[in-house]
Amino acid sequence: MWNYERRLEYPVNITTPNAKIAQAIMSQYGGPDGEMGASLRYLSQRYACPYREVSAILTDIGVSVTRLPI
């Protein structure tokens, strides 16, 4: 039985943007061990998953990792 709620664990409130910290965070998105590589693995695994519920969770994880904060 699956019970999945799509919500943030902690609320996010950015008061002052910082370009140096943003650059460090963005560096974690690239490369084979970065978040972008992980999200693409989640999205590719969803196509081989036999259960629709698990496929939906893999899609949500893969998509949420690729979103960039605005």
PDB file of N, CA and C in Angstrom:
ATOM      1  N   MET A   1       0.837  -1.175   0.000  1.00  0.00           N
ATOM      2  CA  MET A   1       0.000   0.000   0.000  1.00  0.00           C
ATOM      3  C   MET A   1       0.885   1.244   0.000  1.00  0.00           C
ATOM      4  N   TRP A   2       0.613   2.168  -0.899  1.00  0.00           N
ATOM      5  CA  TRP A   2       1.387   3.402  -1.010  1.00  0.00           C
ATOM      6  C   TRP A   2       0.562   4.580  -0.554  1.00  0.00           C
ATOM      7  N   ASN A   3       1.184   5.442   0.222  1.00  0.00           N
ATOM      8  CA  ASN A   3       0.588   6.719   0.603  1.00  0.00           C
ATOM      9  C   ASN A   3       1.643   7.785   0.341  1.00  0.00           C
ATOM     10  N   TYR A   4       1.487   8.512  -0.737  1.00  0.00           N
ATOM     11  CA  TYR A   4       2.505   9.462  -1.164  1.00  0.00           C
ATOM     12  C   TYR A   4       1.918  10.866  -1.206  1.00  0.00           C
ATOM     13  N   GLU A   5       2.524  11.779  -0.459  1.00  0.00           N
ATOM     14  CA  GLU A   5       2.110  13.174  -0.474  1.00  0.00           C
ATOM     15  C   GLU A   5       3.231  13.997  -1.076  1.00  0.00           C
ATOM     16  N   ARG A   6       2.890  14.803  -2.069  1.00  0.00           N
ATOM     17  CA  ARG A   6       3.894  15.620  -2.734  1.00  0.00           C
ATOM     18  C   ARG A   6       3.944  16.991  -2.053  1.00  0.00           C
ATOM     19  N   ARG A   7       4.923  17.144  -1.148  1.00  0.00           N
ATOM     20  CA  ARG A   7       5.100  18.417  -0.445  1.00  0.00           C
ATOM     21  C   ARG A   7       6.543  18.516   0.018  1.00  0.00           C
ATOM     22  N   LEU A   8       6.987  19.745   0.291  1.00  0.00           N
ATOM     23  CA  LEU A   8       8.346  19.944   0.771  1.00  0.00           C
ATOM     24  C   LEU A   8       8.455  19.539   2.235  1.00  0.00           C
ATOM     25  N   GLU A   9       9.602  18.999   2.608  1.00  0.00           N
ATOM     26  CA  GLU A   9       9.809  18.615   3.994  1.00  0.00           C
ATOM     27  C   GLU A   9       9.960  19.856   4.879  1.00  0.00           C
ATOM     28  N   TYR A  10      10.677  20.843   4.356  1.00  0.00           N
ATOM     29  CA  TYR A  10      10.874  22.094   5.087  1.00  0.00           C
ATOM     30  C   TYR A  10      10.467  23.255   4.186  1.00  0.00           C
ATOM     31  N   PRO A  11       9.809  24.268   4.717  1.00  0.00           N
ATOM     32  CA  PRO A  11       9.468  25.425   3.879  1.00  0.00           C
ATOM     33  C   PRO A  11      10.732  26.192   3.464  1.00  0.00           C
ATOM     34  N   VAL A  12      10.717  26.724   2.254  1.00  0.00           N
ATOM     35  CA  VAL A  12      11.857  27.451   1.718  1.00  0.00           C
ATOM     36  C   VAL A  12      11.488  28.923   1.609  1.00  0.00           C
ATOM     37  N   ASN A  13      12.324  29.775   2.198  1.00  0.00           N
ATOM     38  CA  ASN A  13      12.100  31.204   2.137  1.00  0.00           C
ATOM     39  C   ASN A  13      13.449  31.886   1.939  1.00  0.00           C
ATOM     40  N   ILE A  14      13.730  32.332   0.715  1.00  0.00           N
ATOM     41  CA  ILE A  14      14.995  32.984   0.398  1.00  0.00           C
ATOM     42  C   ILE A  14      14.809  34.481   0.587  1.00  0.00           C
ATOM     43  N   THR A  15      15.573  35.044   1.522  1.00  0.00           N
ATOM     44  CA  THR A  15      15.437  36.476   1.792  1.00  0.00           C
ATOM     45  C   THR A  15      16.448  37.295   1.000  1.00  0.00           C
ATOM     46  N   THR A  16      17.702  36.848   0.915  1.00  0.00           N
ATOM     47  CA  THR A  16      18.711  37.571   0.151  1.00  0.00           C
ATOM     48  C   THR A  16      19.443  36.589  -0.750  1.00  0.00           C
ATOM     49  N   PRO A  17      19.384  36.781  -2.067  1.00  0.00           N
ATOM     50  CA  PRO A  17      20.098  35.894  -2.974  1.00  0.00           C
ATOM     51  C   PRO A  17      21.611  36.092  -2.878  1.00  0.00           C
ATOM     52  N   ASN A  18      22.361  35.000  -3.048  1.00  0.00           N
ATOM     53  CA  ASN A  18      23.818  35.038  -2.974  1.00  0.00           C
ATOM     54  C   ASN A  18      24.370  34.290  -4.187  1.00  0.00           C
ATOM     55  N   ALA A  19      25.058  35.015  -5.071  1.00  0.00           N
ATOM     56  CA  ALA A  19      25.537  34.438  -6.328  1.00  0.00           C
ATOM     57  C   ALA A  19      26.615  33.377  -6.104  1.00  0.00           C
ATOM     58  N   LYS A  20      27.493  33.560  -5.128  1.00  0.00           N
ATOM     59  CA  LYS A  20      28.561  32.570  -4.885  1.00  0.00           C
ATOM     60  C   LYS A  20      27.995  31.245  -4.399  1.00  0.00           C
ATOM     61  N   ILE A  21      27.051  31.307  -3.487  1.00  0.00           N
ATOM     62  CA  ILE A  21      26.429  30.072  -3.000  1.00  0.00           C
ATOM     63  C   ILE A  21      25.625  29.418  -4.115  1.00  0.00           C
ATOM     64  N   ALA A  22      24.949  30.221  -4.921  1.00  0.00           N
ATOM     65  CA  ALA A  22      24.186  29.682  -6.048  1.00  0.00           C
ATOM     66  C   ALA A  22      25.102  28.969  -7.031  1.00  0.00           C
ATOM     67  N   GLN A  23      26.287  29.513  -7.274  1.00  0.00           N
ATOM     68  CA  GLN A  23      27.237  28.873  -8.178  1.00  0.00           C
ATOM     69  C   GLN A  23      27.720  27.535  -7.608  1.00  0.00           C
ATOM     70  N   ALA A  24      27.957  27.482  -6.308  1.00  0.00           N
ATOM     71  CA  ALA A  24      28.377  26.229  -5.680  1.00  0.00           C
ATOM     72  C   ALA A  24      27.269  25.181  -5.753  1.00  0.00           C
ATOM     73  N   ILE A  25      26.037  25.610  -5.554  1.00  0.00           N
ATOM     74  CA  ILE A  25      24.910  24.679  -5.653  1.00  0.00           C
ATOM     75  C   ILE A  25      24.755  24.180  -7.083  1.00  0.00           C
ATOM     76  N   MET A  26      24.892  25.072  -8.052  1.00  0.00           N
ATOM     77  CA  MET A  26      24.744  24.680  -9.456  1.00  0.00           C
ATOM     78  C   MET A  26      25.826  23.696  -9.888  1.00  0.00           C
ATOM     79  N   SER A  27      27.016  23.789  -9.294  1.00  0.00           N
ATOM     80  CA  SER A  27      28.071  22.845  -9.656  1.00  0.00           C
ATOM     81  C   SER A  27      27.704  21.423  -9.252  1.00  0.00           C
ATOM     82  N   GLN A  28      26.846  21.273  -8.262  1.00  0.00           N
ATOM     83  CA  GLN A  28      26.412  19.954  -7.829  1.00  0.00           C
ATOM     84  C   GLN A  28      25.414  19.329  -8.805  1.00  0.00           C
ATOM     85  N   TYR A  29      24.801  20.141  -9.669  1.00  0.00           N
ATOM     86  CA  TYR A  29      23.838  19.608 -10.626  1.00  0.00           C
ATOM     87  C   TYR A  29      24.517  18.910 -11.803  1.00  0.00           C
ATOM     88  N   GLY A  30      25.730  19.304 -12.160  1.00  0.00           N
ATOM     89  CA  GLY A  30      26.397  18.752 -13.337  1.00  0.00           C
ATOM     90  C   GLY A  30      27.241  17.536 -13.021  1.00  0.00           C
ATOM     91  N   GLY A  31      27.688  16.861 -14.082  1.00  0.00           N
ATOM     92  CA  GLY A  31      28.574  15.712 -13.928  1.00  0.00           C
ATOM     93  C   GLY A  31      27.835  14.411 -13.710  1.00  0.00           C
ATOM     94  N   PRO A  32      28.548  13.290 -13.837  1.00  0.00           N
ATOM     95  CA  PRO A  32      27.913  11.984 -13.696  1.00  0.00           C
ATOM     96  C   PRO A  32      27.444  11.685 -12.277  1.00  0.00           C
ATOM     97  N   ASP A  33      28.071  12.306 -11.281  1.00  0.00           N
ATOM     98  CA  ASP A  33      27.676  12.077  -9.896  1.00  0.00           C
ATOM     99  C   ASP A  33      26.811  13.211  -9.357  1.00  0.00           C
ATOM    100  N   GLY A  34      26.421  14.125 -10.216  1.00  0.00           N
ATOM    101  CA  GLY A  34      25.615  15.264  -9.793  1.00  0.00           C
ATOM    102  C   GLY A  34      24.132  14.936  -9.793  1.00  0.00           C
ATOM    103  N   GLU A  35      23.362  15.925  -9.433  1.00  0.00           N
ATOM    104  CA  GLU A  35      21.918  15.744  -9.324  1.00  0.00           C
ATOM    105  C   GLU A  35      21.255  15.531 -10.685  1.00  0.00           C
ATOM    106  N   MET A  36      21.792  16.160 -11.744  1.00  0.00           N
ATOM    107  CA  MET A  36      21.197  15.980 -13.066  1.00  0.00           C
ATOM    108  C   MET A  36      21.334  14.536 -13.534  1.00  0.00           C
ATOM    109  N   GLY A  37      22.503  13.940 -13.291  1.00  0.00           N
ATOM    110  CA  GLY A  37      22.687  12.535 -13.655  1.00  0.00           C
ATOM    111  C   GLY A  37      21.750  11.630 -12.869  1.00  0.00           C
ATOM    112  N   ALA A  38      21.561  11.944 -11.586  1.00  0.00           N
ATOM    113  CA  ALA A  38      20.651  11.148 -10.763  1.00  0.00           C
ATOM    114  C   ALA A  38      19.220  11.276 -11.257  1.00  0.00           C
ATOM    115  N   SER A  39      18.808  12.496 -11.611  1.00  0.00           N
ATOM    116  CA  SER A  39      17.430  12.671 -12.055  1.00  0.00           C
ATOM    117  C   SER A  39      17.176  11.941 -13.366  1.00  0.00           C
ATOM    118  N   LEU A  40      18.167  11.931 -14.250  1.00  0.00           N
ATOM    119  CA  LEU A  40      17.990  11.199 -15.511  1.00  0.00           C
ATOM    120  C   LEU A  40      17.918   9.700 -15.271  1.00  0.00           C
ATOM    121  N   ARG A  41      18.642   9.194 -14.281  1.00  0.00           N
ATOM    122  CA  ARG A  41      18.521   7.773 -13.943  1.00  0.00           C
ATOM    123  C   ARG A  41      17.142   7.446 -13.395  1.00  0.00           C
ATOM    124  N   TYR A  42      16.599   8.329 -12.538  1.00  0.00           N
ATOM    125  CA  TYR A  42      15.236   8.116 -12.038  1.00  0.00           C
ATOM    126  C   TYR A  42      14.235   8.109 -13.185  1.00  0.00           C
ATOM    127  N   LEU A  43      14.365   9.063 -14.092  1.00  0.00           N
ATOM    128  CA  LEU A  43      13.410   9.155 -15.196  1.00  0.00           C
ATOM    129  C   LEU A  43      13.529   7.981 -16.157  1.00  0.00           C
ATOM    130  N   SER A  44      14.742   7.468 -16.356  1.00  0.00           N
ATOM    131  CA  SER A  44      14.875   6.322 -17.262  1.00  0.00           C
ATOM    132  C   SER A  44      14.390   5.029 -16.599  1.00  0.00           C
ATOM    133  N   GLN A  45      14.530   4.906 -15.288  1.00  0.00           N
ATOM    134  CA  GLN A  45      14.078   3.699 -14.595  1.00  0.00           C
ATOM    135  C   GLN A  45      12.560   3.598 -14.549  1.00  0.00           C
ATOM    136  N   ARG A  46      11.886   4.730 -14.633  1.00  0.00           N
ATOM    137  CA  ARG A  46      10.423   4.705 -14.539  1.00  0.00           C
ATOM    138  C   ARG A  46       9.799   3.931 -15.695  1.00  0.00           C
ATOM    139  N   TYR A  47      10.470   3.889 -16.842  1.00  0.00           N
ATOM    140  CA  TYR A  47       9.904   3.196 -18.003  1.00  0.00           C
ATOM    141  C   TYR A  47       9.963   1.679 -17.870  1.00  0.00           C
ATOM    142  N   ALA A  48      10.862   1.169 -17.035  1.00  0.00           N
ATOM    143  CA  ALA A  48      10.976  -0.275 -16.843  1.00  0.00           C
ATOM    144  C   ALA A  48      10.197  -0.750 -15.622  1.00  0.00           C
ATOM    145  N   CYS A  49       9.560   0.153 -14.913  1.00  0.00           N
ATOM    146  CA  CYS A  49       8.866  -0.203 -13.676  1.00  0.00           C
ATOM    147  C   CYS A  49       7.491  -0.812 -13.982  1.00  0.00           C
ATOM    148  N   PRO A  50       7.172  -1.965 -13.424  1.00  0.00           N
ATOM    149  CA  PRO A  50       5.893  -2.608 -13.729  1.00  0.00           C
ATOM    150  C   PRO A  50       4.698  -2.017 -12.982  1.00  0.00           C
ATOM    151  N   TYR A  51       4.934  -1.226 -11.923  1.00  0.00           N
ATOM    152  CA  TYR A  51       3.830  -0.696 -11.122  1.00  0.00           C
ATOM    153  C   TYR A  51       3.659   0.794 -11.381  1.00  0.00           C
ATOM    154  N   ARG A  52       2.436   1.213 -11.648  1.00  0.00           N
ATOM    155  CA  ARG A  52       2.163   2.612 -11.975  1.00  0.00           C
ATOM    156  C   ARG A  52       2.443   3.545 -10.806  1.00  0.00           C
ATOM    157  N   GLU A  53       2.173   3.097  -9.587  1.00  0.00           N
ATOM    158  CA  GLU A  53       2.401   3.955  -8.422  1.00  0.00           C
ATOM    159  C   GLU A  53       3.886   4.273  -8.266  1.00  0.00           C
ATOM    160  N   VAL A  54       4.707   3.248  -8.408  1.00  0.00           N
ATOM    161  CA  VAL A  54       6.151   3.432  -8.277  1.00  0.00           C
ATOM    162  C   VAL A  54       6.676   4.270  -9.444  1.00  0.00           C
ATOM    163  N   SER A  55       6.135   4.049 -10.621  1.00  0.00           N
ATOM    164  CA  SER A  55       6.519   4.843 -11.778  1.00  0.00           C
ATOM    165  C   SER A  55       6.212   6.320 -11.555  1.00  0.00           C
ATOM    166  N   ALA A  56       5.069   6.610 -10.952  1.00  0.00           N
ATOM    167  CA  ALA A  56       4.703   8.003 -10.665  1.00  0.00           C
ATOM    168  C   ALA A  56       5.657   8.615  -9.646  1.00  0.00           C
ATOM    169  N   ILE A  57       6.066   7.845  -8.661  1.00  0.00           N
ATOM    170  CA  ILE A  57       7.004   8.360  -7.657  1.00  0.00           C
ATOM    171  C   ILE A  57       8.364   8.631  -8.294  1.00  0.00           C
ATOM    172  N   LEU A  58       8.841   7.717  -9.135  1.00  0.00           N
ATOM    173  CA  LEU A  58      10.110   7.936  -9.821  1.00  0.00           C
ATOM    174  C   LEU A  58      10.049   9.177 -10.708  1.00  0.00           C
ATOM    175  N   THR A  59       8.915   9.400 -11.356  1.00  0.00           N
ATOM    176  CA  THR A  59       8.751  10.598 -12.170  1.00  0.00           C
ATOM    177  C   THR A  59       8.804  11.850 -11.309  1.00  0.00           C
ATOM    178  N   ASP A  60       8.098  11.844 -10.188  1.00  0.00           N
ATOM    179  CA  ASP A  60       8.111  13.009  -9.296  1.00  0.00           C
ATOM    180  C   ASP A  60       9.510  13.296  -8.764  1.00  0.00           C
ATOM    181  N   ILE A  61      10.238  12.255  -8.407  1.00  0.00           N
ATOM    182  CA  ILE A  61      11.600  12.454  -7.901  1.00  0.00           C
ATOM    183  C   ILE A  61      12.502  13.001  -8.999  1.00  0.00           C
ATOM    184  N   GLY A  62      12.431  12.399 -10.164  1.00  0.00           N
ATOM    185  CA  GLY A  62      13.278  12.842 -11.268  1.00  0.00           C
ATOM    186  C   GLY A  62      12.987  14.263 -11.705  1.00  0.00           C
ATOM    187  N   VAL A  63      11.732  14.647 -11.710  1.00  0.00           N
ATOM    188  CA  VAL A  63      11.369  16.000 -12.118  1.00  0.00           C
ATOM    189  C   VAL A  63      11.722  17.006 -11.042  1.00  0.00           C
ATOM    190  N   SER A  64      11.505  16.651  -9.776  1.00  0.00           N
ATOM    191  CA  SER A  64      11.762  17.616  -8.705  1.00  0.00           C
ATOM    192  C   SER A  64      13.253  17.901  -8.547  1.00  0.00           C
ATOM    193  N   VAL A  65      14.091  16.946  -8.894  1.00  0.00           N
ATOM    194  CA  VAL A  65      15.537  17.162  -8.789  1.00  0.00           C
ATOM    195  C   VAL A  65      16.006  18.130  -9.861  1.00  0.00           C
ATOM    196  N   THR A  66      15.368  18.126 -11.025  1.00  0.00           N
ATOM    197  CA  THR A  66      15.826  18.978 -12.129  1.00  0.00           C
ATOM    198  C   THR A  66      15.319  20.400 -12.019  1.00  0.00           C
ATOM    199  N   ARG A  67      14.354  20.674 -11.164  1.00  0.00           N
ATOM    200  CA  ARG A  67      13.848  22.042 -11.037  1.00  0.00           C
ATOM    201  C   ARG A  67      14.878  22.912 -10.337  1.00  0.00           C
ATOM    202  N   LEU A  68      15.066  24.090 -10.866  1.00  0.00           N
ATOM    203  CA  LEU A  68      16.000  25.033 -10.287  1.00  0.00           C
ATOM    204  C   LEU A  68      15.241  26.076  -9.491  1.00  0.00           C
ATOM    205  N   PRO A  69      15.763  26.487  -8.354  1.00  0.00           N
ATOM    206  CA  PRO A  69      15.081  27.522  -7.580  1.00  0.00           C
ATOM    207  C   PRO A  69      15.124  28.850  -8.314  1.00  0.00           C
ATOM    208  N   ILE A  70      14.043  29.562  -8.236  1.00  0.00           N
ATOM    209  CA  ILE A  70      13.952  30.864  -8.927  1.00  0.00           C
ATOM    210  C   ILE A  70      14.084  31.971  -7.907  1.00  0.00           C
TER     211      ILE A  70
END
